[in-house]
Amino acid sequence: MSCSHLIPLDVGKTRVRADRVAAELPASAWQRRSAGAGSKGGPRYYDWAWLDDVCTDADPDDGGHHSLLIRRNTITGELAFYRCWTPRPATLAQLVRVAGIRWTVEEAFQAAKGQVGLDQHQVRRWDSWHRFTTLALAALAVLAICAADATHDDPTDTGLIKLTINEVRRLINTCIIRPITDLAHPLHWSGWRRQHQARARRAHYTRRLNLELQP
């Protein structure tokens, strides 16, 4: 939902822009919660405000519960707005979890475009598109399963990041699709990349923690 979306806070009253609603909230209305793990493996903390008594112009007979969820970036202050509907009253923790899953879905589609060519089709019929998309998502599922199995088999801290979908695809291309006589070199480069990414992740966490601790 955009920041300019008009929110009917009370029946019969003038609607208010979503960003104005957020600006007028007291400090006590915000709670810091994690929306799940981020791309670098750490929790994604945001400040959340929840208005569970917001009136809407939706069908009054839909039998559901409407509310407004606002997310604020802890560093930049950037706002995001979610217009929520649930069949029964929900908790803030449940809505935050669902909002975080949306980011995971978008990340999965982005990974499918970059790793298995989900958007690299030239088809004009639905049947052709459906076949291509199914094969691409199946290939992504294979990569995701391989990465998950590698994480399960190697729970110790080796100083490397866990195998990612990107790294699994690179190893499959090197070791299976285009096999070479000496596998030591590509495996060494794989270890170097994961070690470098692990260092970058630690530096990212340290910087973000320092920014959050600043007054």
N, C-alpha and C. Protein backbone atom coordinates (compact mmCIF):
# COMPACT_ATOMS: atom_id res chain seq x y z
N MET A 1 0.85 -1.18 0.00
CA MET A 1 0.00 0.00 0.00
C MET A 1 0.89 1.23 0.00
N SER A 2 0.53 2.25 -0.79
CA SER A 2 1.35 3.44 -0.89
C SER A 2 1.15 4.35 0.31
N CYS A 3 2.12 5.26 0.51
CA CYS A 3 2.04 6.19 1.64
C CYS A 3 0.91 7.19 1.48
N SER A 4 0.42 7.39 0.24
CA SER A 4 -0.65 8.35 0.00
C SER A 4 -2.04 7.73 0.09
N HIS A 5 -2.09 6.45 0.41
CA HIS A 5 -3.39 5.78 0.53
C HIS A 5 -4.18 6.42 1.66
N LEU A 6 -5.45 6.69 1.42
CA LEU A 6 -6.30 7.35 2.41
C LEU A 6 -6.92 6.32 3.33
N ILE A 7 -6.72 6.53 4.63
CA ILE A 7 -7.20 5.60 5.65
C ILE A 7 -8.42 6.19 6.35
N PRO A 8 -9.58 5.53 6.29
CA PRO A 8 -10.75 6.00 7.04
C PRO A 8 -10.68 5.51 8.48
N LEU A 9 -10.15 6.37 9.37
CA LEU A 9 -9.96 5.94 10.75
C LEU A 9 -11.29 5.80 11.49
N ASP A 10 -12.26 6.62 11.17
CA ASP A 10 -13.57 6.56 11.82
C ASP A 10 -14.67 6.69 10.77
N VAL A 11 -15.78 6.08 11.06
CA VAL A 11 -16.90 6.13 10.13
C VAL A 11 -17.40 7.57 10.00
N GLY A 12 -17.55 8.02 8.76
CA GLY A 12 -18.10 9.33 8.52
C GLY A 12 -17.11 10.47 8.59
N LYS A 13 -15.86 10.22 8.96
CA LYS A 13 -14.86 11.28 9.06
C LYS A 13 -13.98 11.30 7.82
N THR A 14 -13.26 12.43 7.65
CA THR A 14 -12.37 12.57 6.50
C THR A 14 -11.25 11.55 6.57
N ARG A 15 -10.90 11.02 5.43
CA ARG A 15 -9.82 10.04 5.39
C ARG A 15 -8.47 10.74 5.53
N VAL A 16 -7.50 10.01 6.08
CA VAL A 16 -6.17 10.55 6.36
C VAL A 16 -5.14 9.72 5.61
N ARG A 17 -4.13 10.40 5.05
CA ARG A 17 -3.05 9.70 4.36
C ARG A 17 -2.34 8.75 5.33
N ALA A 18 -1.87 7.63 4.78
CA ALA A 18 -1.21 6.63 5.62
C ALA A 18 0.05 7.19 6.28
N ASP A 19 0.86 7.98 5.53
CA ASP A 19 2.08 8.52 6.13
C ASP A 19 1.78 9.53 7.23
N ARG A 20 0.65 10.24 7.13
CA ARG A 20 0.27 11.17 8.20
C ARG A 20 -0.14 10.40 9.45
N VAL A 21 -0.84 9.28 9.25
CA VAL A 21 -1.20 8.44 10.39
C VAL A 21 0.05 7.98 11.12
N ALA A 22 1.07 7.55 10.36
CA ALA A 22 2.31 7.09 10.97
C ALA A 22 3.02 8.21 11.71
N ALA A 23 3.02 9.42 11.14
CA ALA A 23 3.73 10.54 11.76
C ALA A 23 3.11 10.96 13.07
N GLU A 24 1.81 10.75 13.24
CA GLU A 24 1.11 11.18 14.45
C GLU A 24 1.08 10.11 15.54
N LEU A 25 1.66 8.95 15.28
CA LEU A 25 1.66 7.90 16.29
C LEU A 25 2.67 8.22 17.39
N PRO A 26 2.35 7.95 18.64
CA PRO A 26 3.32 8.17 19.72
C PRO A 26 4.43 7.13 19.69
N ALA A 27 5.51 7.42 20.37
CA ALA A 27 6.65 6.49 20.39
C ALA A 27 6.26 5.14 20.97
N SER A 28 5.31 5.15 21.91
CA SER A 28 4.89 3.90 22.55
C SER A 28 4.14 2.97 21.60
N ALA A 29 3.72 3.49 20.45
CA ALA A 29 2.96 2.65 19.51
C ALA A 29 3.86 1.74 18.69
N TRP A 30 5.19 1.98 18.73
CA TRP A 30 6.12 1.21 17.90
C TRP A 30 6.77 0.10 18.71
N GLN A 31 6.88 -1.07 18.09
CA GLN A 31 7.55 -2.22 18.72
C GLN A 31 8.59 -2.77 17.75
N ARG A 32 9.76 -3.09 18.27
CA ARG A 32 10.82 -3.63 17.43
C ARG A 32 10.71 -5.15 17.38
N ARG A 33 10.54 -5.66 16.19
CA ARG A 33 10.42 -7.11 15.99
C ARG A 33 11.16 -7.51 14.73
N SER A 34 11.53 -8.79 14.68
CA SER A 34 12.22 -9.33 13.51
C SER A 34 11.20 -9.84 12.51
N ALA A 35 11.44 -9.53 11.23
CA ALA A 35 10.59 -10.03 10.15
C ALA A 35 11.15 -11.30 9.55
N GLY A 36 12.10 -11.95 10.25
CA GLY A 36 12.70 -13.16 9.74
C GLY A 36 14.14 -12.94 9.35
N ALA A 37 14.79 -14.00 8.90
CA ALA A 37 16.20 -13.93 8.52
C ALA A 37 16.35 -13.22 7.18
N GLY A 38 17.41 -12.42 7.06
CA GLY A 38 17.69 -11.70 5.83
C GLY A 38 18.56 -12.48 4.88
N SER A 39 18.95 -11.86 3.78
CA SER A 39 19.75 -12.54 2.76
C SER A 39 21.13 -12.91 3.28
N LYS A 40 21.62 -12.21 4.29
CA LYS A 40 22.93 -12.51 4.87
C LYS A 40 22.82 -13.40 6.11
N GLY A 41 21.62 -13.89 6.39
CA GLY A 41 21.45 -14.87 7.45
C GLY A 41 21.03 -14.31 8.79
N GLY A 42 21.09 -13.01 9.00
CA GLY A 42 20.74 -12.43 10.28
C GLY A 42 19.29 -11.97 10.33
N PRO A 43 18.79 -11.69 11.52
CA PRO A 43 17.40 -11.23 11.65
C PRO A 43 17.22 -9.83 11.07
N ARG A 44 16.06 -9.59 10.49
CA ARG A 44 15.73 -8.28 9.92
C ARG A 44 14.82 -7.54 10.90
N TYR A 45 15.42 -6.67 11.70
CA TYR A 45 14.66 -5.94 12.70
C TYR A 45 14.07 -4.66 12.12
N TYR A 46 12.81 -4.45 12.41
CA TYR A 46 12.11 -3.22 12.05
C TYR A 46 11.27 -2.77 13.25
N ASP A 47 10.87 -1.51 13.21
CA ASP A 47 9.88 -1.01 14.16
C ASP A 47 8.51 -1.14 13.51
N TRP A 48 7.55 -1.67 14.29
CA TRP A 48 6.22 -1.94 13.76
C TRP A 48 5.17 -1.22 14.59
N ALA A 49 4.18 -0.66 13.91
CA ALA A 49 3.01 -0.09 14.56
C ALA A 49 1.77 -0.75 13.95
N TRP A 50 0.82 -1.03 14.79
CA TRP A 50 -0.35 -1.79 14.34
C TRP A 50 -1.61 -1.10 14.82
N LEU A 51 -2.49 -0.75 13.88
CA LEU A 51 -3.80 -0.18 14.19
C LEU A 51 -4.83 -1.23 13.85
N ASP A 52 -5.32 -1.91 14.87
CA ASP A 52 -6.22 -3.03 14.64
C ASP A 52 -7.69 -2.64 14.66
N ASP A 53 -7.97 -1.34 14.75
CA ASP A 53 -9.37 -0.90 14.75
C ASP A 53 -9.65 0.07 13.62
N VAL A 54 -8.92 -0.08 12.52
CA VAL A 54 -9.07 0.82 11.38
C VAL A 54 -10.35 0.47 10.61
N CYS A 55 -11.13 1.49 10.30
CA CYS A 55 -12.31 1.28 9.46
C CYS A 55 -11.86 1.21 8.01
N THR A 56 -12.58 0.47 7.22
CA THR A 56 -12.25 0.35 5.80
C THR A 56 -13.51 0.50 4.97
N ASP A 57 -13.31 0.65 3.67
CA ASP A 57 -14.44 0.73 2.77
C ASP A 57 -14.72 -0.62 2.13
N ALA A 58 -14.21 -1.69 2.75
CA ALA A 58 -14.45 -3.02 2.23
C ALA A 58 -15.88 -3.46 2.54
N ASP A 59 -16.22 -4.59 1.98
CA ASP A 59 -17.56 -5.13 2.18
C ASP A 59 -17.77 -5.42 3.66
N PRO A 60 -18.73 -4.78 4.31
CA PRO A 60 -18.94 -5.03 5.75
C PRO A 60 -19.41 -6.43 6.06
N ASP A 61 -19.86 -7.15 5.04
CA ASP A 61 -20.36 -8.51 5.26
C ASP A 61 -19.32 -9.57 4.93
N ASP A 62 -18.03 -9.17 4.78
CA ASP A 62 -17.02 -10.17 4.43
C ASP A 62 -16.65 -11.05 5.61
N GLY A 63 -17.07 -10.68 6.80
CA GLY A 63 -16.83 -11.51 7.97
C GLY A 63 -15.42 -11.53 8.48
N GLY A 64 -14.55 -10.64 7.97
CA GLY A 64 -13.15 -10.63 8.39
C GLY A 64 -12.81 -9.47 9.29
N HIS A 65 -11.54 -9.40 9.62
CA HIS A 65 -11.03 -8.36 10.51
C HIS A 65 -9.98 -7.55 9.76
N HIS A 66 -10.17 -6.23 9.69
CA HIS A 66 -9.29 -5.34 8.94
C HIS A 66 -8.40 -4.56 9.90
N SER A 67 -7.15 -4.34 9.48
CA SER A 67 -6.22 -3.57 10.30
C SER A 67 -5.14 -2.98 9.41
N LEU A 68 -4.39 -2.05 9.97
CA LEU A 68 -3.30 -1.39 9.27
C LEU A 68 -1.99 -1.68 10.00
N LEU A 69 -1.00 -2.18 9.26
CA LEU A 69 0.31 -2.49 9.80
C LEU A 69 1.33 -1.57 9.15
N ILE A 70 2.18 -0.92 9.96
CA ILE A 70 3.18 0.02 9.46
C ILE A 70 4.56 -0.47 9.88
N ARG A 71 5.47 -0.52 8.93
CA ARG A 71 6.85 -0.95 9.19
C ARG A 71 7.78 0.25 8.99
N ARG A 72 8.70 0.42 9.95
CA ARG A 72 9.67 1.53 9.86
C ARG A 72 11.08 0.98 9.95
N ASN A 73 11.93 1.36 8.99
CA ASN A 73 13.32 0.94 9.00
C ASN A 73 14.03 1.57 10.18
N THR A 74 14.78 0.76 10.93
CA THR A 74 15.41 1.25 12.15
C THR A 74 16.56 2.20 11.88
N ILE A 75 17.09 2.21 10.66
CA ILE A 75 18.24 3.06 10.33
C ILE A 75 17.82 4.26 9.49
N THR A 76 17.09 4.01 8.40
CA THR A 76 16.72 5.09 7.49
C THR A 76 15.40 5.74 7.83
N GLY A 77 14.56 5.06 8.61
CA GLY A 77 13.24 5.59 8.92
C GLY A 77 12.22 5.40 7.80
N GLU A 78 12.61 4.69 6.74
CA GLU A 78 11.69 4.46 5.62
C GLU A 78 10.48 3.66 6.08
N LEU A 79 9.30 4.04 5.59
CA LEU A 79 8.05 3.42 6.02
C LEU A 79 7.48 2.52 4.92
N ALA A 80 6.81 1.47 5.35
CA ALA A 80 6.05 0.60 4.45
C ALA A 80 4.72 0.32 5.13
N PHE A 81 3.66 0.22 4.34
CA PHE A 81 2.32 0.10 4.88
C PHE A 81 1.67 -1.18 4.35
N TYR A 82 0.96 -1.87 5.23
CA TYR A 82 0.27 -3.10 4.88
C TYR A 82 -1.19 -3.00 5.33
N ARG A 83 -2.06 -3.16 4.38
CA ARG A 83 -3.49 -3.22 4.70
C ARG A 83 -3.84 -4.69 4.89
N CYS A 84 -4.20 -5.07 6.09
CA CYS A 84 -4.32 -6.48 6.47
C CYS A 84 -5.79 -6.90 6.59
N TRP A 85 -6.03 -8.14 6.24
CA TRP A 85 -7.33 -8.76 6.45
C TRP A 85 -7.11 -10.17 6.95
N THR A 86 -7.82 -10.54 7.99
CA THR A 86 -7.75 -11.90 8.53
C THR A 86 -9.17 -12.39 8.81
N PRO A 87 -9.42 -13.68 8.65
CA PRO A 87 -10.77 -14.18 8.92
C PRO A 87 -11.15 -14.05 10.39
N ARG A 88 -10.12 -14.07 11.26
CA ARG A 88 -10.33 -13.90 12.70
C ARG A 88 -9.31 -12.90 13.23
N PRO A 89 -9.54 -12.28 14.37
CA PRO A 89 -8.54 -11.36 14.93
C PRO A 89 -7.19 -12.04 15.07
N ALA A 90 -6.13 -11.34 14.65
CA ALA A 90 -4.77 -11.89 14.69
C ALA A 90 -3.92 -11.07 15.65
N THR A 91 -2.73 -11.57 15.93
CA THR A 91 -1.79 -10.87 16.78
C THR A 91 -0.77 -10.12 15.93
N LEU A 92 -0.06 -9.19 16.56
CA LEU A 92 0.97 -8.46 15.85
C LEU A 92 2.07 -9.40 15.37
N ALA A 93 2.46 -10.38 16.19
CA ALA A 93 3.50 -11.33 15.81
C ALA A 93 3.11 -12.10 14.55
N GLN A 94 1.85 -12.48 14.43
CA GLN A 94 1.40 -13.22 13.25
C GLN A 94 1.47 -12.35 11.99
N LEU A 95 1.06 -11.10 12.10
CA LEU A 95 1.07 -10.21 10.94
C LEU A 95 2.50 -9.88 10.51
N VAL A 96 3.39 -9.69 11.48
CA VAL A 96 4.80 -9.41 11.15
C VAL A 96 5.42 -10.60 10.44
N ARG A 97 5.10 -11.81 10.89
CA ARG A 97 5.64 -13.02 10.26
C ARG A 97 5.17 -13.11 8.81
N VAL A 98 3.90 -12.83 8.55
CA VAL A 98 3.38 -12.89 7.19
C VAL A 98 4.02 -11.80 6.33
N ALA A 99 4.18 -10.60 6.88
CA ALA A 99 4.83 -9.52 6.13
C ALA A 99 6.26 -9.91 5.77
N GLY A 100 6.95 -10.61 6.66
CA GLY A 100 8.30 -11.06 6.37
C GLY A 100 8.35 -12.14 5.31
N ILE A 101 7.34 -12.99 5.26
CA ILE A 101 7.29 -14.04 4.24
C ILE A 101 7.15 -13.44 2.85
N ARG A 102 6.48 -12.31 2.74
CA ARG A 102 6.35 -11.66 1.43
C ARG A 102 7.73 -11.35 0.86
N TRP A 103 8.64 -10.88 1.71
CA TRP A 103 10.00 -10.60 1.25
C TRP A 103 10.68 -11.89 0.79
N THR A 104 10.44 -12.99 1.48
CA THR A 104 11.03 -14.27 1.11
C THR A 104 10.52 -14.72 -0.26
N VAL A 105 9.23 -14.54 -0.52
CA VAL A 105 8.66 -14.90 -1.81
C VAL A 105 9.29 -14.07 -2.92
N GLU A 106 9.42 -12.76 -2.70
CA GLU A 106 10.03 -11.90 -3.71
C GLU A 106 11.49 -12.29 -3.94
N GLU A 107 12.20 -12.65 -2.87
CA GLU A 107 13.59 -13.08 -3.01
C GLU A 107 13.68 -14.38 -3.80
N ALA A 108 12.71 -15.29 -3.59
CA ALA A 108 12.71 -16.56 -4.33
C ALA A 108 12.51 -16.32 -5.82
N PHE A 109 11.59 -15.41 -6.18
CA PHE A 109 11.39 -15.10 -7.59
C PHE A 109 12.63 -14.46 -8.19
N GLN A 110 13.30 -13.59 -7.42
CA GLN A 110 14.52 -12.97 -7.91
C GLN A 110 15.61 -14.01 -8.12
N ALA A 111 15.71 -14.96 -7.19
CA ALA A 111 16.69 -16.04 -7.35
C ALA A 111 16.36 -16.89 -8.57
N ALA A 112 15.08 -17.14 -8.81
CA ALA A 112 14.69 -17.94 -9.97
C ALA A 112 15.05 -17.23 -11.28
N LYS A 113 14.94 -15.91 -11.29
CA LYS A 113 15.30 -15.16 -12.50
C LYS A 113 16.81 -15.20 -12.72
N GLY A 114 17.58 -15.07 -11.64
CA GLY A 114 19.02 -15.00 -11.80
C GLY A 114 19.70 -16.35 -11.96
N GLN A 115 19.15 -17.40 -11.36
CA GLN A 115 19.83 -18.70 -11.34
C GLN A 115 19.29 -19.69 -12.37
N VAL A 116 18.01 -19.68 -12.65
CA VAL A 116 17.44 -20.69 -13.56
C VAL A 116 16.69 -20.05 -14.72
N GLY A 117 16.84 -18.74 -14.93
CA GLY A 117 16.27 -18.10 -16.10
C GLY A 117 14.76 -18.07 -16.14
N LEU A 118 14.11 -17.80 -15.00
CA LEU A 118 12.65 -17.80 -14.96
C LEU A 118 12.05 -16.79 -15.94
N ASP A 119 12.72 -15.66 -16.15
CA ASP A 119 12.18 -14.62 -17.02
C ASP A 119 12.79 -14.64 -18.42
N GLN A 120 13.53 -15.68 -18.75
CA GLN A 120 14.22 -15.73 -20.05
C GLN A 120 13.48 -16.63 -21.03
N HIS A 121 12.21 -16.37 -21.21
CA HIS A 121 11.41 -17.16 -22.14
C HIS A 121 10.90 -16.26 -23.27
N GLN A 122 10.61 -16.86 -24.38
CA GLN A 122 10.04 -16.16 -25.53
C GLN A 122 8.85 -16.97 -26.04
N VAL A 123 7.84 -17.02 -25.23
CA VAL A 123 6.66 -17.82 -25.57
C VAL A 123 5.46 -16.90 -25.72
N ARG A 124 4.48 -17.36 -26.44
CA ARG A 124 3.27 -16.57 -26.69
C ARG A 124 1.99 -17.29 -26.26
N ARG A 125 2.12 -18.52 -25.85
CA ARG A 125 0.93 -19.28 -25.45
C ARG A 125 1.06 -19.68 -23.98
N TRP A 126 -0.10 -19.82 -23.35
CA TRP A 126 -0.11 -20.12 -21.93
C TRP A 126 0.52 -21.49 -21.67
N ASP A 127 0.23 -22.49 -22.52
CA ASP A 127 0.77 -23.83 -22.31
C ASP A 127 2.30 -23.82 -22.33
N SER A 128 2.87 -23.08 -23.28
CA SER A 128 4.33 -23.00 -23.37
C SER A 128 4.91 -22.30 -22.15
N TRP A 129 4.27 -21.22 -21.75
CA TRP A 129 4.74 -20.50 -20.56
C TRP A 129 4.67 -21.39 -19.33
N HIS A 130 3.59 -22.14 -19.21
CA HIS A 130 3.40 -22.99 -18.04
C HIS A 130 4.48 -24.07 -17.98
N ARG A 131 4.80 -24.68 -19.11
CA ARG A 131 5.85 -25.72 -19.12
C ARG A 131 7.20 -25.12 -18.76
N PHE A 132 7.52 -23.98 -19.37
CA PHE A 132 8.82 -23.35 -19.09
C PHE A 132 8.93 -22.97 -17.62
N THR A 133 7.90 -22.34 -17.08
CA THR A 133 7.92 -21.90 -15.68
C THR A 133 8.02 -23.08 -14.73
N THR A 134 7.31 -24.16 -15.03
CA THR A 134 7.35 -25.35 -14.18
C THR A 134 8.76 -25.94 -14.14
N LEU A 135 9.42 -26.04 -15.30
CA LEU A 135 10.78 -26.57 -15.34
C LEU A 135 11.76 -25.66 -14.59
N ALA A 136 11.60 -24.34 -14.76
CA ALA A 136 12.49 -23.41 -14.08
C ALA A 136 12.34 -23.50 -12.57
N LEU A 137 11.10 -23.55 -12.08
CA LEU A 137 10.88 -23.64 -10.63
C LEU A 137 11.32 -25.00 -10.10
N ALA A 138 11.20 -26.06 -10.91
CA ALA A 138 11.70 -27.37 -10.49
C ALA A 138 13.21 -27.34 -10.35
N ALA A 139 13.90 -26.68 -11.29
CA ALA A 139 15.36 -26.56 -11.19
C ALA A 139 15.75 -25.76 -9.95
N LEU A 140 15.00 -24.70 -9.65
CA LEU A 140 15.29 -23.91 -8.45
C LEU A 140 15.07 -24.75 -7.20
N ALA A 141 14.04 -25.59 -7.21
CA ALA A 141 13.77 -26.45 -6.06
C ALA A 141 14.93 -27.42 -5.83
N VAL A 142 15.50 -27.97 -6.91
CA VAL A 142 16.64 -28.88 -6.78
C VAL A 142 17.83 -28.15 -6.13
N LEU A 143 18.11 -26.93 -6.58
CA LEU A 143 19.20 -26.16 -6.00
C LEU A 143 18.95 -25.86 -4.53
N ALA A 144 17.70 -25.49 -4.20
CA ALA A 144 17.37 -25.17 -2.81
C ALA A 144 17.50 -26.40 -1.91
N ILE A 145 17.10 -27.57 -2.41
CA ILE A 145 17.21 -28.80 -1.63
C ILE A 145 18.67 -29.16 -1.40
N CYS A 146 19.50 -29.00 -2.43
CA CYS A 146 20.94 -29.28 -2.27
C CYS A 146 21.57 -28.35 -1.24
N ALA A 147 21.22 -27.08 -1.29
CA ALA A 147 21.75 -26.13 -0.32
C ALA A 147 21.29 -26.46 1.09
N ALA A 148 20.01 -26.83 1.24
CA ALA A 148 19.49 -27.17 2.57
C ALA A 148 20.14 -28.44 3.10
N ASP A 149 20.34 -29.44 2.24
CA ASP A 149 20.99 -30.68 2.69
C ASP A 149 22.42 -30.42 3.12
N ALA A 150 23.13 -29.55 2.40
CA ALA A 150 24.52 -29.24 2.77
C ALA A 150 24.57 -28.55 4.12
N THR A 151 23.62 -27.69 4.40
CA THR A 151 23.57 -27.02 5.70
C THR A 151 23.29 -28.01 6.81
N HIS A 152 22.42 -28.97 6.54
CA HIS A 152 22.08 -29.98 7.56
C HIS A 152 23.26 -30.91 7.83
N ASP A 153 24.03 -31.23 6.80
CA ASP A 153 25.15 -32.16 6.97
C ASP A 153 26.39 -31.50 7.57
N ASP A 154 26.45 -30.16 7.57
CA ASP A 154 27.64 -29.47 8.05
C ASP A 154 27.23 -28.37 9.04
N PRO A 155 26.81 -28.75 10.26
CA PRO A 155 26.32 -27.76 11.22
C PRO A 155 27.43 -27.00 11.93
N THR A 156 28.67 -27.41 11.79
CA THR A 156 29.76 -26.77 12.54
C THR A 156 30.14 -25.45 11.88
N ASP A 157 30.83 -24.60 12.68
CA ASP A 157 31.30 -23.31 12.18
C ASP A 157 32.66 -23.50 11.53
N THR A 158 32.71 -23.37 10.20
CA THR A 158 33.94 -23.58 9.46
C THR A 158 34.58 -22.26 9.00
N GLY A 159 33.97 -21.13 9.37
CA GLY A 159 34.45 -19.86 8.89
C GLY A 159 33.96 -19.50 7.51
N LEU A 160 33.08 -20.33 6.95
CA LEU A 160 32.50 -20.09 5.63
C LEU A 160 31.00 -19.88 5.79
N ILE A 161 30.42 -19.16 4.85
CA ILE A 161 28.97 -19.10 4.85
C ILE A 161 28.43 -20.46 4.40
N LYS A 162 27.18 -20.73 4.72
CA LYS A 162 26.56 -21.96 4.26
C LYS A 162 26.42 -21.92 2.75
N LEU A 163 26.40 -23.09 2.16
CA LEU A 163 26.25 -23.17 0.71
C LEU A 163 24.94 -22.48 0.28
N THR A 164 25.05 -21.57 -0.65
CA THR A 164 23.88 -20.86 -1.17
C THR A 164 23.43 -21.51 -2.48
N ILE A 165 22.24 -21.11 -2.92
CA ILE A 165 21.73 -21.60 -4.20
C ILE A 165 22.67 -21.21 -5.33
N ASN A 166 23.19 -20.00 -5.27
CA ASN A 166 24.10 -19.53 -6.31
C ASN A 166 25.36 -20.39 -6.35
N GLU A 167 25.91 -20.72 -5.17
CA GLU A 167 27.14 -21.51 -5.13
C GLU A 167 26.89 -22.95 -5.56
N VAL A 168 25.74 -23.49 -5.20
CA VAL A 168 25.40 -24.86 -5.63
C VAL A 168 25.30 -24.92 -7.14
N ARG A 169 24.65 -23.93 -7.75
CA ARG A 169 24.56 -23.92 -9.22
C ARG A 169 25.94 -23.82 -9.85
N ARG A 170 26.80 -23.00 -9.28
CA ARG A 170 28.16 -22.86 -9.84
C ARG A 170 28.93 -24.18 -9.73
N LEU A 171 28.80 -24.87 -8.62
CA LEU A 171 29.49 -26.15 -8.45
C LEU A 171 28.95 -27.22 -9.39
N ILE A 172 27.62 -27.21 -9.60
CA ILE A 172 27.04 -28.19 -10.53
C ILE A 172 27.54 -27.93 -11.94
N ASN A 173 27.59 -26.65 -12.33
CA ASN A 173 28.10 -26.32 -13.67
C ASN A 173 29.55 -26.75 -13.83
N THR A 174 30.35 -26.57 -12.78
CA THR A 174 31.78 -26.86 -12.87
C THR A 174 32.09 -28.34 -12.79
N CYS A 175 31.41 -29.03 -11.87
CA CYS A 175 31.77 -30.42 -11.57
C CYS A 175 30.97 -31.45 -12.36
N ILE A 176 29.78 -31.09 -12.83
CA ILE A 176 28.92 -32.08 -13.48
C ILE A 176 28.69 -31.74 -14.94
N ILE A 177 28.18 -30.52 -15.18
CA ILE A 177 27.84 -30.16 -16.56
C ILE A 177 29.09 -29.97 -17.40
N ARG A 178 30.11 -29.27 -16.83
CA ARG A 178 31.38 -29.07 -17.55
C ARG A 178 32.51 -29.63 -16.70
N PRO A 179 32.58 -30.96 -16.55
CA PRO A 179 33.61 -31.53 -15.68
C PRO A 179 35.01 -31.30 -16.24
N ILE A 180 35.95 -31.10 -15.34
CA ILE A 180 37.34 -30.96 -15.71
C ILE A 180 38.16 -31.98 -14.93
N THR A 181 39.42 -32.17 -15.35
CA THR A 181 40.25 -33.20 -14.73
C THR A 181 40.56 -32.88 -13.28
N ASP A 182 40.97 -31.65 -13.01
CA ASP A 182 41.38 -31.26 -11.66
C ASP A 182 40.27 -30.43 -11.03
N LEU A 183 39.58 -31.00 -10.03
CA LEU A 183 38.50 -30.28 -9.35
C LEU A 183 39.00 -29.44 -8.18
N ALA A 184 40.27 -29.57 -7.83
CA ALA A 184 40.79 -28.84 -6.67
C ALA A 184 40.68 -27.34 -6.86
N HIS A 185 40.96 -26.86 -8.08
CA HIS A 185 40.94 -25.42 -8.33
C HIS A 185 39.55 -24.81 -8.16
N PRO A 186 38.50 -25.33 -8.82
CA PRO A 186 37.16 -24.74 -8.61
C PRO A 186 36.66 -24.90 -7.18
N LEU A 187 36.99 -26.01 -6.51
CA LEU A 187 36.58 -26.17 -5.12
C LEU A 187 37.29 -25.17 -4.22
N HIS A 188 38.57 -24.87 -4.53
CA HIS A 188 39.30 -23.85 -3.77
C HIS A 188 38.63 -22.49 -3.93
N TRP A 189 38.26 -22.15 -5.16
CA TRP A 189 37.61 -20.87 -5.39
C TRP A 189 36.26 -20.81 -4.70
N SER A 190 35.55 -21.92 -4.64
CA SER A 190 34.27 -21.96 -3.93
C SER A 190 34.48 -21.66 -2.44
N GLY A 191 35.50 -22.30 -1.84
CA GLY A 191 35.79 -22.03 -0.44
C GLY A 191 36.21 -20.60 -0.20
N TRP A 192 37.00 -20.04 -1.14
CA TRP A 192 37.44 -18.65 -0.97
C TRP A 192 36.26 -17.69 -1.03
N ARG A 193 35.32 -17.92 -1.96
CA ARG A 193 34.16 -17.05 -2.07
C ARG A 193 33.33 -17.10 -0.80
N ARG A 194 33.10 -18.30 -0.27
CA ARG A 194 32.27 -18.44 0.93
C ARG A 194 32.95 -17.83 2.13
N GLN A 195 34.28 -17.94 2.22
CA GLN A 195 35.00 -17.32 3.32
C GLN A 195 34.91 -15.79 3.23
N HIS A 196 35.08 -15.25 2.02
CA HIS A 196 34.98 -13.81 1.81
C HIS A 196 33.58 -13.31 2.16
N GLN A 197 32.55 -14.06 1.76
CA GLN A 197 31.18 -13.66 2.07
C GLN A 197 30.90 -13.73 3.57
N ALA A 198 31.51 -14.70 4.25
CA ALA A 198 31.34 -14.78 5.70
C ALA A 198 31.94 -13.56 6.39
N ARG A 199 33.11 -13.12 5.93
CA ARG A 199 33.72 -11.92 6.50
C ARG A 199 32.87 -10.68 6.21
N ALA A 200 32.34 -10.60 5.00
CA ALA A 200 31.49 -9.46 4.65
C ALA A 200 30.23 -9.44 5.50
N ARG A 201 29.67 -10.61 5.79
CA ARG A 201 28.47 -10.67 6.61
C ARG A 201 28.76 -10.20 8.04
N ARG A 202 29.89 -10.64 8.61
CA ARG A 202 30.24 -10.19 9.96
C ARG A 202 30.44 -8.68 10.00
N ALA A 203 31.10 -8.12 8.97
CA ALA A 203 31.30 -6.68 8.93
C ALA A 203 29.97 -5.94 8.80
N HIS A 204 29.04 -6.51 8.03
CA HIS A 204 27.72 -5.91 7.86
C HIS A 204 26.97 -5.89 9.20
N TYR A 205 27.01 -6.99 9.94
CA TYR A 205 26.32 -7.04 11.22
C TYR A 205 26.93 -6.05 12.21
N THR A 206 28.27 -5.96 12.22
CA THR A 206 28.93 -5.04 13.14
C THR A 206 28.55 -3.60 12.85
N ARG A 207 28.55 -3.24 11.56
CA ARG A 207 28.18 -1.87 11.18
C ARG A 207 26.74 -1.57 11.54
N ARG A 208 25.83 -2.49 11.26
CA ARG A 208 24.42 -2.25 11.56
C ARG A 208 24.19 -2.14 13.06
N LEU A 209 24.87 -2.98 13.84
CA LEU A 209 24.72 -2.92 15.29
C LEU A 209 25.22 -1.59 15.83
N ASN A 210 26.34 -1.11 15.30
CA ASN A 210 26.88 0.17 15.74
C ASN A 210 25.94 1.32 15.42
N LEU A 211 25.29 1.26 14.24
CA LEU A 211 24.35 2.30 13.87
C LEU A 211 23.13 2.29 14.76
N GLU A 212 22.65 1.08 15.13
CA GLU A 212 21.47 0.99 15.98
C GLU A 212 21.77 1.45 17.41
N LEU A 213 23.04 1.32 17.86
CA LEU A 213 23.38 1.72 19.22
C LEU A 213 23.66 3.21 19.33
N GLN A 214 23.83 3.89 18.19
CA GLN A 214 24.09 5.33 18.25
C GLN A 214 22.83 6.06 18.72
N PRO A 215 23.01 7.10 19.57
CA PRO A 215 21.84 7.83 20.06
C PRO A 215 21.15 8.61 18.95
